[in-house]
């Protein structure tokens, strides 16, 4: 069975003091437990050093929300993957729907970023998923296939150990619409099928695919019990200790 991954995406929330406190509380809640998966927090860049001591991999891992597409030089405001590695980061979120929308990130840019972070020894959490209009038009499979085809075959070092997929039903985030566990499973199974064509069936079978919709403690067990749902990329629920640890509890229960 694939190890689950519960990844907290803090987005533009929590400065160093608040981030340190939250990470320490989460790590304390999980300390001493023999987890059957991995738990990760991804703070804003300025909060990473403050969180690093608590998110030392035992049991909490440290991630970042983005990286630059160059490994150094005159690129004001950018952060190189090698810098994140030095800061203690092990995972980096790439291609989140918000960055696709607001920063207009495209496949070429995402490929450059993922190849660089793989070369630096970091793991990528590659996000993709359809918009509300695309879902209502019945184009969700077409959109997901195109997004995966636009990136996965172009990666130089991708394998199930350094690459995680994160399916984001963008139509179910902040729209009033709700994605059911059955819908999540359908799209995860489709994602794995497409990944099998692109990377090979055996690597695709080992690839972890996270659910990036509205996951909370009350629905985590139902979601993560689905055969192709290997955890979650968690937004708002990752900002409160009891909510985030409750999702981890759901992930653990899904492995019983």
Protein backbone atom coordinates (compact mmCIF):
# COMPACT_ATOMS: atom_id res chain seq x y z
CA UNK A 1 0.00 0.00 0.00
CA UNK A 2 1.26 3.48 -0.86
CA UNK A 3 2.19 5.69 2.12
CA UNK A 4 -0.23 8.54 2.50
CA UNK A 5 0.92 12.17 2.44
CA UNK A 6 -0.93 14.93 4.29
CA UNK A 7 0.54 18.27 3.20
CA UNK A 8 -0.47 21.57 4.77
CA UNK A 9 -0.34 24.54 2.39
CA UNK A 10 -0.36 27.61 4.63
CA UNK A 11 -0.56 29.96 1.61
CA UNK A 12 0.02 33.63 2.57
CA UNK A 13 -0.66 33.05 6.26
CA UNK A 14 1.42 32.91 9.45
CA UNK A 15 4.60 34.88 9.98
CA UNK A 16 7.63 33.38 11.77
CA UNK A 17 6.29 33.58 15.34
CA UNK A 18 2.83 32.15 14.58
CA UNK A 19 4.28 29.58 12.18
CA UNK A 20 6.79 28.35 14.73
CA UNK A 21 4.04 27.95 17.31
CA UNK A 22 1.72 26.03 14.96
CA UNK A 23 4.45 23.71 13.66
CA UNK A 24 5.64 22.95 17.19
CA UNK A 25 2.09 22.14 18.29
CA UNK A 26 1.49 19.84 15.31
CA UNK A 27 4.83 18.10 15.80
CA UNK A 28 4.08 17.70 19.51
CA UNK A 29 0.70 16.15 18.76
CA UNK A 30 2.28 13.60 16.42
CA UNK A 31 5.43 12.87 18.44
CA UNK A 32 5.92 9.23 19.32
CA UNK A 33 3.27 7.96 16.91
CA UNK A 34 4.25 5.34 14.35
CA UNK A 35 2.69 6.96 11.33
CA UNK A 36 1.95 4.96 8.20
CA UNK A 37 2.44 8.00 6.02
CA UNK A 38 4.12 11.39 5.84
CA UNK A 39 2.99 14.74 7.25
CA UNK A 40 4.23 18.00 5.76
CA UNK A 41 3.79 21.74 6.33
CA UNK A 42 4.54 24.35 3.67
CA UNK A 43 4.93 27.83 5.21
CA UNK A 44 5.56 31.12 3.39
CA UNK A 45 9.24 31.62 2.52
CA UNK A 46 9.95 34.02 5.42
CA UNK A 47 8.51 31.52 7.91
CA UNK A 48 10.54 28.50 6.73
CA UNK A 49 13.57 29.11 9.01
CA UNK A 50 11.33 29.54 12.05
CA UNK A 51 9.49 26.28 11.31
CA UNK A 52 12.57 24.24 10.37
CA UNK A 53 13.45 23.21 13.93
CA UNK A 54 9.98 21.75 14.55
CA UNK A 55 9.56 20.32 11.04
CA UNK A 56 12.76 18.29 11.17
CA UNK A 57 11.30 15.11 9.70
CA UNK A 58 10.57 13.50 13.05
CA UNK A 59 7.66 13.29 12.50
CA UNK A 60 6.90 16.53 10.66
CA UNK A 61 8.42 17.38 7.25
CA UNK A 62 9.12 20.85 5.86
CA UNK A 63 8.00 22.04 2.44
CA UNK A 64 7.77 25.23 0.37
CA UNK A 65 4.92 26.66 -1.70
CA UNK A 66 6.92 27.52 -4.80
CA UNK A 67 10.42 27.95 -6.20
CA UNK A 68 12.14 29.86 -8.96
CA UNK A 69 12.94 28.44 -12.39
CA UNK A 70 16.63 29.36 -12.18
CA UNK A 71 19.23 28.18 -9.68
CA UNK A 72 20.79 31.58 -9.03
CA UNK A 73 21.67 34.90 -10.59
CA UNK A 74 20.07 38.28 -11.20
CA UNK A 75 16.44 37.29 -10.57
CA UNK A 76 15.13 39.70 -7.95
CA UNK A 77 12.59 38.22 -5.57
CA UNK A 78 13.09 34.59 -6.67
CA UNK A 79 14.15 31.65 -4.50
CA UNK A 80 16.35 28.90 -5.98
CA UNK A 81 15.60 25.23 -5.26
CA UNK A 82 19.13 24.75 -3.91
CA UNK A 83 18.45 27.50 -1.34
CA UNK A 84 15.30 25.72 -0.19
CA UNK A 85 17.24 22.47 0.15
CA UNK A 86 19.80 24.24 2.33
CA UNK A 87 16.99 25.64 4.49
CA UNK A 88 15.74 22.11 5.27
CA UNK A 89 12.92 21.86 2.73
CA UNK A 90 12.18 18.43 1.25
CA UNK A 91 9.00 19.05 -0.82
CA UNK A 92 7.95 21.97 -3.04
CA UNK A 93 4.42 22.68 -4.32
CA UNK A 94 4.46 23.46 -8.06
CA UNK A 95 1.65 24.67 -10.31
CA UNK A 96 -0.98 25.38 -7.65
CA UNK A 97 -4.23 26.63 -9.19
CA UNK A 98 -3.76 30.03 -7.56
CA UNK A 99 -0.38 30.48 -9.21
CA UNK A 100 -1.77 29.32 -12.54
CA UNK A 101 -4.55 31.92 -12.17
CA UNK A 102 -2.77 34.91 -10.65
CA UNK A 103 0.81 34.47 -11.90
CA UNK A 104 -0.19 32.90 -15.23
CA UNK A 105 2.22 30.00 -14.80
CA UNK A 106 2.32 27.69 -17.83
CA UNK A 107 3.62 24.21 -18.59
CA UNK A 108 7.05 25.40 -19.79
CA UNK A 109 7.68 27.23 -16.53
CA UNK A 110 6.45 24.33 -14.41
CA UNK A 111 8.72 21.89 -16.23
CA UNK A 112 11.76 24.11 -15.62
CA UNK A 113 10.92 24.42 -11.94
CA UNK A 114 10.36 20.71 -11.38
CA UNK A 115 13.50 19.69 -13.25
CA UNK A 116 15.55 22.12 -11.17
CA UNK A 117 14.15 21.01 -7.84
CA UNK A 118 14.60 17.35 -8.77
CA UNK A 119 18.22 18.09 -9.66
CA UNK A 120 18.60 19.68 -6.20
CA UNK A 121 17.31 16.51 -4.54
CA UNK A 122 13.86 17.88 -3.68
CA UNK A 123 10.44 16.33 -4.23
CA UNK A 124 7.74 18.01 -6.32
CA UNK A 125 4.04 18.18 -5.51
CA UNK A 126 2.63 18.91 -8.95
CA UNK A 127 -0.87 20.42 -8.92
CA UNK A 128 -3.47 20.24 -11.69
CA UNK A 129 -7.24 20.21 -12.09
CA UNK A 130 -10.22 21.65 -13.91
CA UNK A 131 -12.19 24.87 -13.41
CA UNK A 132 -15.92 25.09 -12.73
CA UNK A 133 -16.78 25.97 -16.35
CA UNK A 134 -14.69 23.04 -17.58
CA UNK A 135 -16.41 20.64 -15.16
CA UNK A 136 -19.88 21.88 -16.16
CA UNK A 137 -18.95 21.44 -19.83
CA UNK A 138 -17.97 17.83 -19.15
CA UNK A 139 -14.34 18.51 -20.09
CA UNK A 140 -12.71 17.51 -16.78
CA UNK A 141 -10.93 14.44 -18.14
CA UNK A 142 -9.73 16.27 -21.21
CA UNK A 143 -8.34 19.14 -19.10
CA UNK A 144 -6.59 16.84 -16.62
CA UNK A 145 -5.09 14.76 -19.41
CA UNK A 146 -3.74 17.87 -21.14
CA UNK A 147 -2.21 19.23 -17.94
CA UNK A 148 -0.47 15.94 -17.16
CA UNK A 149 0.68 15.46 -20.75
CA UNK A 150 2.06 19.00 -20.79
CA UNK A 151 4.46 18.33 -17.93
CA UNK A 152 5.12 14.69 -16.94
CA UNK A 153 6.77 13.42 -20.19
CA UNK A 154 9.13 16.42 -20.17
CA UNK A 155 10.58 15.80 -16.72
CA UNK A 156 14.15 14.55 -16.70
CA UNK A 157 14.23 12.75 -13.36
CA UNK A 158 10.61 12.03 -12.42
CA UNK A 159 9.83 8.86 -10.48
CA UNK A 160 7.31 7.83 -7.78
CA UNK A 161 9.79 8.82 -5.06
CA UNK A 162 10.46 12.42 -6.08
CA UNK A 163 7.11 13.34 -7.66
CA UNK A 164 3.65 13.57 -6.09
CA UNK A 165 0.51 14.54 -8.00
CA UNK A 166 -2.13 16.77 -6.40
CA UNK A 167 -5.52 16.85 -8.09
CA UNK A 168 -7.30 20.14 -7.41
CA UNK A 169 -10.99 20.29 -8.34
CA UNK A 170 -10.78 24.07 -8.65
CA UNK A 171 -14.54 24.17 -9.22
CA UNK A 172 -15.09 22.91 -5.66
CA UNK A 173 -12.87 25.49 -3.93
CA UNK A 174 -14.69 28.63 -2.79
CA UNK A 175 -17.52 28.20 -5.32
CA UNK A 176 -20.26 26.71 -3.17
CA UNK A 177 -19.97 23.48 -5.15
CA UNK A 178 -18.92 20.26 -3.40
CA UNK A 179 -16.80 17.40 -4.72
CA UNK A 180 -17.88 14.01 -3.40
CA UNK A 181 -15.42 11.27 -2.44
CA UNK A 182 -16.74 9.32 -5.44
CA UNK A 183 -15.90 12.20 -7.78
CA UNK A 184 -12.45 12.49 -6.21
CA UNK A 185 -11.82 8.78 -6.74
CA UNK A 186 -12.97 8.95 -10.36
CA UNK A 187 -10.52 11.74 -11.17
CA UNK A 188 -7.67 10.16 -9.21
CA UNK A 189 -8.17 6.87 -11.06
CA UNK A 190 -8.21 8.79 -14.36
CA UNK A 191 -5.04 10.63 -13.34
CA UNK A 192 -3.29 7.35 -12.57
CA UNK A 193 -4.41 5.92 -15.91
CA UNK A 194 -3.00 8.92 -17.78
CA UNK A 195 0.21 8.80 -15.73
CA UNK A 196 0.53 5.13 -16.63
CA UNK A 197 0.54 5.99 -20.33
CA UNK A 198 3.13 8.72 -19.78
CA UNK A 199 5.46 7.18 -17.21
CA UNK A 200 4.69 3.46 -17.38
CA UNK A 201 2.12 1.41 -15.51
CA UNK A 202 4.45 0.27 -12.73
CA UNK A 203 5.69 3.77 -11.78
CA UNK A 204 2.13 5.09 -11.99
CA UNK A 205 0.92 2.37 -9.61
CA UNK A 206 3.43 3.61 -7.00
CA UNK A 207 2.77 7.31 -7.60
CA UNK A 208 1.02 9.15 -4.79
CA UNK A 209 -1.95 11.29 -5.84
CA UNK A 210 -3.29 13.80 -3.32
CA UNK A 211 -6.73 15.36 -3.17
CA UNK A 212 -6.56 19.16 -3.19
CA UNK A 213 -10.21 20.02 -2.67
CA UNK A 214 -11.99 20.89 0.55
CA UNK A 215 -10.65 18.25 2.90
CA UNK A 216 -11.34 18.38 6.64
CA UNK A 217 -11.23 16.04 9.61
CA UNK A 218 -14.87 14.99 9.09
CA UNK A 219 -14.37 13.71 5.52
CA UNK A 220 -10.69 12.70 5.53
CA UNK A 221 -11.32 9.04 6.32
CA UNK A 222 -13.92 8.69 3.55
CA UNK A 223 -11.68 10.42 1.01
CA UNK A 224 -8.43 8.67 1.90
CA UNK A 225 -10.08 5.24 1.99
CA UNK A 226 -10.64 5.45 -1.77
CA UNK A 227 -8.17 3.23 -3.64
CA UNK A 228 -6.49 5.99 -5.65
CA UNK A 229 -6.58 8.82 -3.09
CA UNK A 230 -3.26 8.85 -1.23
CA UNK A 231 -3.72 11.84 1.03
CA UNK A 232 -4.46 15.51 0.75
CA UNK A 233 -3.05 18.93 -0.02
CA UNK A 234 -4.75 20.87 2.75
CA UNK A 235 -5.41 24.62 2.75
CA UNK A 236 -7.45 26.33 5.46
CA UNK A 237 -7.71 23.26 7.70
CA UNK A 238 -3.91 23.17 7.99
CA UNK A 239 -3.90 26.45 9.95
CA UNK A 240 -5.42 24.96 13.12
CA UNK A 241 -3.72 22.21 15.09
CA UNK A 242 -6.85 20.21 15.90
CA UNK A 243 -8.16 20.37 12.33
CA UNK A 244 -4.87 19.35 10.72
CA UNK A 245 -4.10 16.58 13.21
CA UNK A 246 -7.69 15.38 12.76
CA UNK A 247 -7.02 14.96 9.04
CA UNK A 248 -3.86 12.99 9.86
CA UNK A 249 -5.97 10.81 12.16
CA UNK A 250 -8.32 10.19 9.21
CA UNK A 251 -5.38 9.23 7.03
CA UNK A 252 -4.16 6.79 9.68
CA UNK A 253 -7.61 5.25 10.06
CA UNK A 254 -7.82 4.80 6.28
CA UNK A 255 -4.88 2.39 6.52
CA UNK A 256 -6.54 0.09 9.06
